[in-house]
């Protein structure tokens, strides 16, 4: 197979892809992603140009691992389940989860899916949807009436305006009924500051949304029930990091503002 050359827009997909591939090569990786390494080997690009800060990559891989664990647990405890991965990029979560029972839908822009289709083949259980998540009717490709639904929005909602986030949640609720939603979010202060980060600047993306109190979303009037907040500074995976990094995480965990700067939020969206 010849190496693939990406457009400037498509190159923004490489930061999380390459980060996970590099993490997988460590002696004690926090995340193993063989598919990421495979894809990196087939793309014609000087990956050294990305200059991903070590801390950024660590948090990115930690975020992915924690979401993977939650999804695995959810699928194990709920039969007849459909999973939606919104803004999937080139991520290989479906492969990492390794559940043959779940019906899975990866969703992203067409220009993303044009690349994704080179590496991922649809099956009766695995599906690709080419669409912006804010477009109308894409969700109608997802079957209704299943017992359980889980929606993953990793590295996505902070780039949307609040009214668009509400639109997406409302549309999914109207189509699917009840579902569980897991996503990562910045605090309002962090959302204002993170746009200056070199990785964000390189993508040209704009951070548009942050949240301080997770309970605020329950006031949106769409049946959102707050389930859990998971910080990156305090979780079971930290014990697998080297001593210096564990100390840094422990110090960060002493300050609530740092704890909540970037974390995972989990909600149950219930029908009326």
C-alpha atoms as a PDB file:
ATOM      1  CA  UNK A   1       0.000   0.000   0.000  1.00  0.00           C
ATOM      2  CA  UNK A   2       1.364   3.402  -0.956  1.00  0.00           C
ATOM      3  CA  UNK A   3       1.735   6.021   1.729  1.00  0.00           C
ATOM      4  CA  UNK A   4      -1.156   8.467   1.999  1.00  0.00           C
ATOM      5  CA  UNK A   5      -0.680  12.213   1.689  1.00  0.00           C
ATOM      6  CA  UNK A   6      -3.089  14.325   3.743  1.00  0.00           C
ATOM      7  CA  UNK A   7      -4.451  17.816   3.117  1.00  0.00           C
ATOM      8  CA  UNK A   8      -3.775  20.578   5.658  1.00  0.00           C
ATOM      9  CA  UNK A   9      -7.236  20.108   7.199  1.00  0.00           C
ATOM     10  CA  UNK A  10      -6.822  16.344   7.472  1.00  0.00           C
ATOM     11  CA  UNK A  11      -3.444  16.769   9.171  1.00  0.00           C
ATOM     12  CA  UNK A  12      -5.211  18.016  12.304  1.00  0.00           C
ATOM     13  CA  UNK A  13      -6.198  14.383  12.909  1.00  0.00           C
ATOM     14  CA  UNK A  14      -2.580  13.405  13.428  1.00  0.00           C
ATOM     15  CA  UNK A  15      -2.010  14.837  16.910  1.00  0.00           C
ATOM     16  CA  UNK A  16      -4.095  12.283  18.854  1.00  0.00           C
ATOM     17  CA  UNK A  17      -3.243   9.529  16.381  1.00  0.00           C
ATOM     18  CA  UNK A  18       0.518   9.961  16.618  1.00  0.00           C
ATOM     19  CA  UNK A  19       0.390  10.573  20.381  1.00  0.00           C
ATOM     20  CA  UNK A  20      -1.319   7.238  20.973  1.00  0.00           C
ATOM     21  CA  UNK A  21       1.031   5.447  18.614  1.00  0.00           C
ATOM     22  CA  UNK A  22       4.064   6.801  20.485  1.00  0.00           C
ATOM     23  CA  UNK A  23       2.578   5.989  23.892  1.00  0.00           C
ATOM     24  CA  UNK A  24       2.053   2.411  22.757  1.00  0.00           C
ATOM     25  CA  UNK A  25       5.813   2.006  22.241  1.00  0.00           C
ATOM     26  CA  UNK A  26       6.680   2.711  25.869  1.00  0.00           C
ATOM     27  CA  UNK A  27       7.695  -0.085  28.234  1.00  0.00           C
ATOM     28  CA  UNK A  28       4.736   0.692  30.502  1.00  0.00           C
ATOM     29  CA  UNK A  29       2.218   2.541  28.325  1.00  0.00           C
ATOM     30  CA  UNK A  30      -0.926   4.029  29.796  1.00  0.00           C
ATOM     31  CA  UNK A  31      -2.669   3.139  26.531  1.00  0.00           C
ATOM     32  CA  UNK A  32      -1.921   0.479  23.913  1.00  0.00           C
ATOM     33  CA  UNK A  33      -3.225   1.356  20.462  1.00  0.00           C
ATOM     34  CA  UNK A  34      -1.876  -0.967  17.771  1.00  0.00           C
ATOM     35  CA  UNK A  35      -4.208   0.449  15.144  1.00  0.00           C
ATOM     36  CA  UNK A  36      -2.803   3.957  15.661  1.00  0.00           C
ATOM     37  CA  UNK A  37       0.723   2.651  15.076  1.00  0.00           C
ATOM     38  CA  UNK A  38      -0.437   0.845  11.927  1.00  0.00           C
ATOM     39  CA  UNK A  39      -2.071   3.973  10.488  1.00  0.00           C
ATOM     40  CA  UNK A  40       0.939   6.176  11.302  1.00  0.00           C
ATOM     41  CA  UNK A  41       3.165   3.807   9.341  1.00  0.00           C
ATOM     42  CA  UNK A  42       0.990   4.292   6.241  1.00  0.00           C
ATOM     43  CA  UNK A  43       0.765   8.095   6.226  1.00  0.00           C
ATOM     44  CA  UNK A  44       3.377  10.188   4.451  1.00  0.00           C
ATOM     45  CA  UNK A  45       4.086  12.909   6.998  1.00  0.00           C
ATOM     46  CA  UNK A  46       6.982  14.196   9.080  1.00  0.00           C
ATOM     47  CA  UNK A  47       5.443  13.503  12.477  1.00  0.00           C
ATOM     48  CA  UNK A  48       8.288  15.256  14.293  1.00  0.00           C
ATOM     49  CA  UNK A  49       6.689  18.528  13.156  1.00  0.00           C
ATOM     50  CA  UNK A  50       3.780  17.972  15.525  1.00  0.00           C
ATOM     51  CA  UNK A  51       5.907  18.618  18.642  1.00  0.00           C
ATOM     52  CA  UNK A  52       3.289  17.248  21.047  1.00  0.00           C
ATOM     53  CA  UNK A  53       4.202  18.236  24.646  1.00  0.00           C
ATOM     54  CA  UNK A  54       4.716  15.177  26.877  1.00  0.00           C
ATOM     55  CA  UNK A  55       2.151  16.387  29.413  1.00  0.00           C
ATOM     56  CA  UNK A  56      -0.439  16.947  26.682  1.00  0.00           C
ATOM     57  CA  UNK A  57       0.090  13.482  25.285  1.00  0.00           C
ATOM     58  CA  UNK A  58      -0.081  11.893  28.729  1.00  0.00           C
ATOM     59  CA  UNK A  59      -3.413  13.562  29.469  1.00  0.00           C
ATOM     60  CA  UNK A  60      -4.734  12.684  26.019  1.00  0.00           C
ATOM     61  CA  UNK A  61      -3.895   9.005  26.475  1.00  0.00           C
ATOM     62  CA  UNK A  62      -5.152   8.991  30.058  1.00  0.00           C
ATOM     63  CA  UNK A  63      -8.441  10.515  28.899  1.00  0.00           C
ATOM     64  CA  UNK A  64      -8.805   7.837  26.216  1.00  0.00           C
ATOM     65  CA  UNK A  65      -8.043   5.029  28.663  1.00  0.00           C
ATOM     66  CA  UNK A  66     -10.535   6.252  31.260  1.00  0.00           C
ATOM     67  CA  UNK A  67     -13.268   6.573  28.634  1.00  0.00           C
ATOM     68  CA  UNK A  68     -12.405   3.117  27.275  1.00  0.00           C
ATOM     69  CA  UNK A  69     -12.757   1.651  30.757  1.00  0.00           C
ATOM     70  CA  UNK A  70     -16.115   3.299  31.328  1.00  0.00           C
ATOM     71  CA  UNK A  71     -17.443   2.105  27.967  1.00  0.00           C
ATOM     72  CA  UNK A  72     -16.210  -1.458  28.592  1.00  0.00           C
ATOM     73  CA  UNK A  73     -17.908  -1.492  31.983  1.00  0.00           C
ATOM     74  CA  UNK A  74     -21.113  -0.063  30.533  1.00  0.00           C
ATOM     75  CA  UNK A  75     -21.248  -2.648  27.757  1.00  0.00           C
ATOM     76  CA  UNK A  76     -20.518  -5.478  30.162  1.00  0.00           C
ATOM     77  CA  UNK A  77     -23.443  -4.459  32.353  1.00  0.00           C
ATOM     78  CA  UNK A  78     -25.967  -3.706  29.594  1.00  0.00           C
ATOM     79  CA  UNK A  79     -27.106  -6.106  26.893  1.00  0.00           C
ATOM     80  CA  UNK A  80     -28.441  -5.103  23.448  1.00  0.00           C
ATOM     81  CA  UNK A  81     -26.379  -1.918  23.382  1.00  0.00           C
ATOM     82  CA  UNK A  82     -25.666   0.642  20.673  1.00  0.00           C
ATOM     83  CA  UNK A  83     -22.623   2.935  20.974  1.00  0.00           C
ATOM     84  CA  UNK A  84     -22.064   6.249  19.179  1.00  0.00           C
ATOM     85  CA  UNK A  85     -18.609   7.834  19.031  1.00  0.00           C
ATOM     86  CA  UNK A  86     -19.118  11.467  18.003  1.00  0.00           C
ATOM     87  CA  UNK A  87     -16.166  13.299  16.431  1.00  0.00           C
ATOM     88  CA  UNK A  88     -14.245  10.033  16.209  1.00  0.00           C
ATOM     89  CA  UNK A  89     -11.377  11.299  14.051  1.00  0.00           C
ATOM     90  CA  UNK A  90      -9.020   8.391  13.365  1.00  0.00           C
ATOM     91  CA  UNK A  91      -9.443   6.957  16.855  1.00  0.00           C
ATOM     92  CA  UNK A  92      -9.644   3.175  17.176  1.00  0.00           C
ATOM     93  CA  UNK A  93     -11.879   2.956  20.249  1.00  0.00           C
ATOM     94  CA  UNK A  94     -14.039   0.249  18.690  1.00  0.00           C
ATOM     95  CA  UNK A  95     -10.924  -1.916  18.261  1.00  0.00           C
ATOM     96  CA  UNK A  96      -9.641  -1.146  21.756  1.00  0.00           C
ATOM     97  CA  UNK A  97     -12.978  -1.962  23.370  1.00  0.00           C
ATOM     98  CA  UNK A  98     -13.029  -5.360  21.655  1.00  0.00           C
ATOM     99  CA  UNK A  99     -16.727  -6.088  22.270  1.00  0.00           C
ATOM    100  CA  UNK A 100     -18.317  -8.242  19.576  1.00  0.00           C
ATOM    101  CA  UNK A 101     -21.865  -7.710  20.807  1.00  0.00           C
ATOM    102  CA  UNK A 102     -22.172  -3.912  20.620  1.00  0.00           C
ATOM    103  CA  UNK A 103     -23.445  -2.173  17.493  1.00  0.00           C
ATOM    104  CA  UNK A 104     -21.060   0.734  16.977  1.00  0.00           C
ATOM    105  CA  UNK A 105     -21.329   3.995  14.999  1.00  0.00           C
ATOM    106  CA  UNK A 106     -18.359   6.293  14.393  1.00  0.00           C
ATOM    107  CA  UNK A 107     -19.410   9.810  13.344  1.00  0.00           C
ATOM    108  CA  UNK A 108     -17.337  12.632  11.859  1.00  0.00           C
ATOM    109  CA  UNK A 109     -17.019  15.042   8.941  1.00  0.00           C
ATOM    110  CA  UNK A 110     -16.882  13.563   5.439  1.00  0.00           C
ATOM    111  CA  UNK A 111     -13.269  14.680   4.933  1.00  0.00           C
ATOM    112  CA  UNK A 112     -12.374  12.722   8.063  1.00  0.00           C
ATOM    113  CA  UNK A 113     -14.314   9.655   6.988  1.00  0.00           C
ATOM    114  CA  UNK A 114     -12.674   9.733   3.553  1.00  0.00           C
ATOM    115  CA  UNK A 115      -9.404   8.979   5.372  1.00  0.00           C
ATOM    116  CA  UNK A 116     -10.967   6.672   7.952  1.00  0.00           C
ATOM    117  CA  UNK A 117     -12.435   4.461   5.240  1.00  0.00           C
ATOM    118  CA  UNK A 118      -8.906   3.658   4.080  1.00  0.00           C
ATOM    119  CA  UNK A 119      -8.213   1.931   7.389  1.00  0.00           C
ATOM    120  CA  UNK A 120     -11.583   0.787   8.733  1.00  0.00           C
ATOM    121  CA  UNK A 121     -14.094  -1.475   7.001  1.00  0.00           C
ATOM    122  CA  UNK A 122     -17.763  -1.458   7.911  1.00  0.00           C
ATOM    123  CA  UNK A 123     -19.368  -4.683   9.111  1.00  0.00           C
ATOM    124  CA  UNK A 124     -22.814  -5.676  10.343  1.00  0.00           C
ATOM    125  CA  UNK A 125     -21.727  -4.380  13.788  1.00  0.00           C
ATOM    126  CA  UNK A 126     -19.434  -1.489  12.903  1.00  0.00           C
ATOM    127  CA  UNK A 127     -20.671   1.536  10.949  1.00  0.00           C
ATOM    128  CA  UNK A 128     -19.366   4.891   9.693  1.00  0.00           C
ATOM    129  CA  UNK A 129     -21.494   8.020   9.413  1.00  0.00           C
ATOM    130  CA  UNK A 130     -20.128  10.974   7.440  1.00  0.00           C
ATOM    131  CA  UNK A 131     -21.640  14.097   8.977  1.00  0.00           C
ATOM    132  CA  UNK A 132     -21.090  17.010  11.296  1.00  0.00           C
ATOM    133  CA  UNK A 133     -22.762  16.133  14.592  1.00  0.00           C
ATOM    134  CA  UNK A 134     -24.691  19.408  14.396  1.00  0.00           C
ATOM    135  CA  UNK A 135     -26.271  18.575  11.041  1.00  0.00           C
ATOM    136  CA  UNK A 136     -29.882  17.442  10.942  1.00  0.00           C
ATOM    137  CA  UNK A 137     -30.984  13.823  10.555  1.00  0.00           C
ATOM    138  CA  UNK A 138     -27.627  11.977  10.582  1.00  0.00           C
ATOM    139  CA  UNK A 139     -28.727  10.178  13.754  1.00  0.00           C
ATOM    140  CA  UNK A 140     -31.605   8.614  11.810  1.00  0.00           C
ATOM    141  CA  UNK A 141     -29.072   6.081  10.527  1.00  0.00           C
ATOM    142  CA  UNK A 142     -28.899   4.712  14.102  1.00  0.00           C
ATOM    143  CA  UNK A 143     -31.529   2.073  14.954  1.00  0.00           C
ATOM    144  CA  UNK A 144     -34.225   3.030  17.451  1.00  0.00           C
ATOM    145  CA  UNK A 145     -35.816   0.886  20.125  1.00  0.00           C
ATOM    146  CA  UNK A 146     -32.688  -0.760  21.526  1.00  0.00           C
ATOM    147  CA  UNK A 147     -32.411  -1.384  25.260  1.00  0.00           C
ATOM    148  CA  UNK A 148     -29.299   0.716  25.913  1.00  0.00           C
ATOM    149  CA  UNK A 149     -27.392   3.514  24.200  1.00  0.00           C
ATOM    150  CA  UNK A 150     -24.063   5.075  25.103  1.00  0.00           C
ATOM    151  CA  UNK A 151     -22.745   8.227  23.426  1.00  0.00           C
ATOM    152  CA  UNK A 152     -19.050   9.193  23.611  1.00  0.00           C
ATOM    153  CA  UNK A 153     -17.992  12.752  22.772  1.00  0.00           C
ATOM    154  CA  UNK A 154     -14.257  12.849  23.432  1.00  0.00           C
ATOM    155  CA  UNK A 155     -12.465  16.108  22.628  1.00  0.00           C
ATOM    156  CA  UNK A 156     -15.567  17.473  20.923  1.00  0.00           C
ATOM    157  CA  UNK A 157     -18.114  19.459  22.923  1.00  0.00           C
ATOM    158  CA  UNK A 158     -15.692  22.217  23.943  1.00  0.00           C
ATOM    159  CA  UNK A 159     -15.459  23.172  20.255  1.00  0.00           C
ATOM    160  CA  UNK A 160     -19.232  23.652  19.970  1.00  0.00           C
ATOM    161  CA  UNK A 161     -21.402  26.560  21.041  1.00  0.00           C
ATOM    162  CA  UNK A 162     -23.727  25.813  23.935  1.00  0.00           C
ATOM    163  CA  UNK A 163     -26.817  26.076  21.734  1.00  0.00           C
ATOM    164  CA  UNK A 164     -25.325  23.477  19.378  1.00  0.00           C
ATOM    165  CA  UNK A 165     -24.583  21.119  22.272  1.00  0.00           C
ATOM    166  CA  UNK A 166     -28.204  21.426  23.376  1.00  0.00           C
ATOM    167  CA  UNK A 167     -29.339  20.809  19.804  1.00  0.00           C
ATOM    168  CA  UNK A 168     -27.322  17.594  19.546  1.00  0.00           C
ATOM    169  CA  UNK A 169     -28.503  16.255  22.919  1.00  0.00           C
ATOM    170  CA  UNK A 170     -32.130  17.111  22.170  1.00  0.00           C
ATOM    171  CA  UNK A 171     -31.996  15.472  18.734  1.00  0.00           C
ATOM    172  CA  UNK A 172     -30.438  12.298  20.128  1.00  0.00           C
ATOM    173  CA  UNK A 173     -32.988  12.148  22.921  1.00  0.00           C
ATOM    174  CA  UNK A 174     -35.891  12.588  20.502  1.00  0.00           C
ATOM    175  CA  UNK A 175     -34.548   9.807  18.267  1.00  0.00           C
ATOM    176  CA  UNK A 176     -33.010   7.325  20.712  1.00  0.00           C
ATOM    177  CA  UNK A 177     -34.930   7.950  23.916  1.00  0.00           C
ATOM    178  CA  UNK A 178     -32.813   7.481  27.042  1.00  0.00           C
ATOM    179  CA  UNK A 179     -29.034   7.258  26.702  1.00  0.00           C
ATOM    180  CA  UNK A 180     -25.804   7.648  28.679  1.00  0.00           C
ATOM    181  CA  UNK A 181     -23.380  10.414  27.665  1.00  0.00           C
ATOM    182  CA  UNK A 182     -19.690  10.637  28.542  1.00  0.00           C
ATOM    183  CA  UNK A 183     -17.518  13.554  27.450  1.00  0.00           C
ATOM    184  CA  UNK A 184     -14.586  15.668  28.594  1.00  0.00           C
ATOM    185  CA  UNK A 185     -14.997  19.338  29.465  1.00  0.00           C
ATOM    186  CA  UNK A 186     -12.897  22.331  30.417  1.00  0.00           C
ATOM    187  CA  UNK A 187     -13.751  24.709  33.210  1.00  0.00           C
ATOM    188  CA  UNK A 188     -14.796  28.158  31.999  1.00  0.00           C
ATOM    189  CA  UNK A 189     -11.386  29.589  32.930  1.00  0.00           C
ATOM    190  CA  UNK A 190      -9.483  26.725  31.261  1.00  0.00           C
ATOM    191  CA  UNK A 191     -11.605  27.036  28.123  1.00  0.00           C
ATOM    192  CA  UNK A 192     -10.513  30.675  27.805  1.00  0.00           C
ATOM    193  CA  UNK A 193      -6.843  29.849  28.310  1.00  0.00           C
ATOM    194  CA  UNK A 194      -6.417  26.579  26.445  1.00  0.00           C
ATOM    195  CA  UNK A 195      -6.870  28.192  23.035  1.00  0.00           C
ATOM    196  CA  UNK A 196      -3.302  29.470  23.368  1.00  0.00           C
ATOM    197  CA  UNK A 197      -1.944  25.916  23.643  1.00  0.00           C
ATOM    198  CA  UNK A 198       0.459  25.123  20.747  1.00  0.00           C
ATOM    199  CA  UNK A 199      -1.428  21.948  19.759  1.00  0.00           C
ATOM    200  CA  UNK A 200      -4.733  23.801  19.608  1.00  0.00           C
ATOM    201  CA  UNK A 201      -3.189  26.679  17.663  1.00  0.00           C
ATOM    202  CA  UNK A 202      -1.807  24.237  15.111  1.00  0.00           C
ATOM    203  CA  UNK A 203      -5.267  22.836  14.379  1.00  0.00           C
ATOM    204  CA  UNK A 204      -6.818  26.279  14.008  1.00  0.00           C
ATOM    205  CA  UNK A 205      -9.720  25.137  16.186  1.00  0.00           C
ATOM    206  CA  UNK A 206     -11.550  27.479  18.568  1.00  0.00           C
ATOM    207  CA  UNK A 207     -12.617  26.521  22.091  1.00  0.00           C
ATOM    208  CA  UNK A 208     -16.170  27.779  22.567  1.00  0.00           C
ATOM    209  CA  UNK A 209     -17.559  26.130  25.687  1.00  0.00           C
ATOM    210  CA  UNK A 210     -16.590  25.390  29.260  1.00  0.00           C
ATOM    211  CA  UNK A 211     -18.474  24.462  32.416  1.00  0.00           C
ATOM    212  CA  UNK A 212     -17.683  24.800  36.114  1.00  0.00           C
ATOM    213  CA  UNK A 213     -20.595  23.103  37.887  1.00  0.00           C
ATOM    214  CA  UNK A 214     -21.729  19.878  36.159  1.00  0.00           C
ATOM    215  CA  UNK A 215     -25.153  20.188  37.796  1.00  0.00           C
ATOM    216  CA  UNK A 216     -25.813  23.247  35.606  1.00  0.00           C
ATOM    217  CA  UNK A 217     -26.590  20.953  32.673  1.00  0.00           C
ATOM    218  CA  UNK A 218     -29.474  19.397  34.596  1.00  0.00           C
ATOM    219  CA  UNK A 219     -31.184  22.800  34.379  1.00  0.00           C
ATOM    220  CA  UNK A 220     -31.313  22.670  30.585  1.00  0.00           C
ATOM    221  CA  UNK A 221     -34.703  21.011  30.796  1.00  0.00           C
ATOM    222  CA  UNK A 222     -33.864  17.982  28.656  1.00  0.00           C
ATOM    223  CA  UNK A 223     -33.894  15.241  31.258  1.00  0.00           C
ATOM    224  CA  UNK A 224     -30.155  15.289  32.006  1.00  0.00           C
ATOM    225  CA  UNK A 225     -29.210  13.536  35.231  1.00  0.00           C
ATOM    226  CA  UNK A 226     -25.656  14.119  36.454  1.00  0.00           C
ATOM    227  CA  UNK A 227     -24.012  10.771  37.257  1.00  0.00           C
ATOM    228  CA  UNK A 228     -20.302  11.307  37.843  1.00  0.00           C
ATOM    229  CA  UNK A 229     -17.314  13.605  37.496  1.00  0.00           C
ATOM    230  CA  UNK A 230     -13.921  11.950  36.929  1.00  0.00           C
ATOM    231  CA  UNK A 231     -10.838  14.113  37.305  1.00  0.00           C
ATOM    232  CA  UNK A 232      -7.541  13.340  35.608  1.00  0.00           C
ATOM    233  CA  UNK A 233      -5.565  14.238  38.744  1.00  0.00           C
ATOM    234  CA  UNK A 234      -7.112  11.482  40.861  1.00  0.00           C
ATOM    235  CA  UNK A 235      -7.875   8.065  39.400  1.00  0.00           C
ATOM    236  CA  UNK A 236      -6.640   4.482  39.621  1.00  0.00           C
ATOM    237  CA  UNK A 237      -4.500   4.758  36.478  1.00  0.00           C
ATOM    238  CA  UNK A 238      -2.116   7.282  38.064  1.00  0.00           C
ATOM    239  CA  UNK A 239      -0.481   4.546  40.098  1.00  0.00           C
ATOM    240  CA  UNK A 240       0.921   3.105  36.862  1.00  0.00           C
ATOM    241  CA  UNK A 241       2.829   6.307  36.045  1.00  0.00           C
ATOM    242  CA  UNK A 242       6.440   7.004  36.987  1.00  0.00           C
ATOM    243  CA  UNK A 243       7.192   8.513  40.397  1.00  0.00           C
ATOM    244  CA  UNK A 244       7.828  12.048  39.165  1.00  0.00           C
ATOM    245  CA  UNK A 245       4.557  12.158  37.257  1.00  0.00           C
ATOM    246  CA  UNK A 246       2.635  10.696  40.220  1.00  0.00           C
ATOM    247  CA  UNK A 247       4.026  13.447  42.429  1.00  0.00           C
ATOM    248  CA  UNK A 248       2.982  16.133  39.927  1.00  0.00           C
ATOM    249  CA  UNK A 249      -0.530  14.683  39.699  1.00  0.00           C
ATOM    250  CA  UNK A 250      -0.719  14.494  43.496  1.00  0.00           C
ATOM    251  CA  UNK A 251       0.252  18.150  43.829  1.00  0.00           C
ATOM    252  CA  UNK A 252      -2.254  19.183  41.159  1.00  0.00           C
ATOM    253  CA  UNK A 253      -4.970  17.269  42.978  1.00  0.00           C
ATOM    254  CA  UNK A 254      -4.556  19.560  45.992  1.00  0.00           C
ATOM    255  CA  UNK A 255      -6.062  22.468  44.076  1.00  0.00           C
ATOM    256  CA  UNK A 256      -9.756  22.264  43.080  1.00  0.00           C
ATOM    257  CA  UNK A 257      -9.287  24.725  40.218  1.00  0.00           C
ATOM    258  CA  UNK A 258      -6.628  22.463  38.698  1.00  0.00           C
ATOM    259  CA  UNK A 259      -8.696  19.319  39.334  1.00  0.00           C
ATOM    260  CA  UNK A 260     -11.630  20.729  37.429  1.00  0.00           C
ATOM    261  CA  UNK A 261      -9.696  22.476  34.657  1.00  0.00           C
ATOM    262  CA  UNK A 262     -10.237  19.417  32.453  1.00  0.00           C
ATOM    263  CA  UNK A 263     -12.188  16.326  33.477  1.00  0.00           C
ATOM    264  CA  UNK A 264     -14.693  13.695  32.367  1.00  0.00           C
ATOM    265  CA  UNK A 265     -18.427  14.166  32.925  1.00  0.00           C
ATOM    266  CA  UNK A 266     -21.063  11.450  32.735  1.00  0.00           C
ATOM    267  CA  UNK A 267     -24.817  11.987  32.416  1.00  0.00           C
ATOM    268  CA  UNK A 268     -27.922   9.941  31.922  1.00  0.00           C
ATOM    269  CA  UNK A 269     -30.396  11.534  29.545  1.00  0.00           C
ATOM    270  CA  UNK A 270     -33.885  10.289  30.359  1.00  0.00           C
ATOM    271  CA  UNK A 271     -37.091  10.430  28.376  1.00  0.00           C
ATOM    272  CA  UNK A 272     -39.870  12.603  29.776  1.00  0.00           C
END
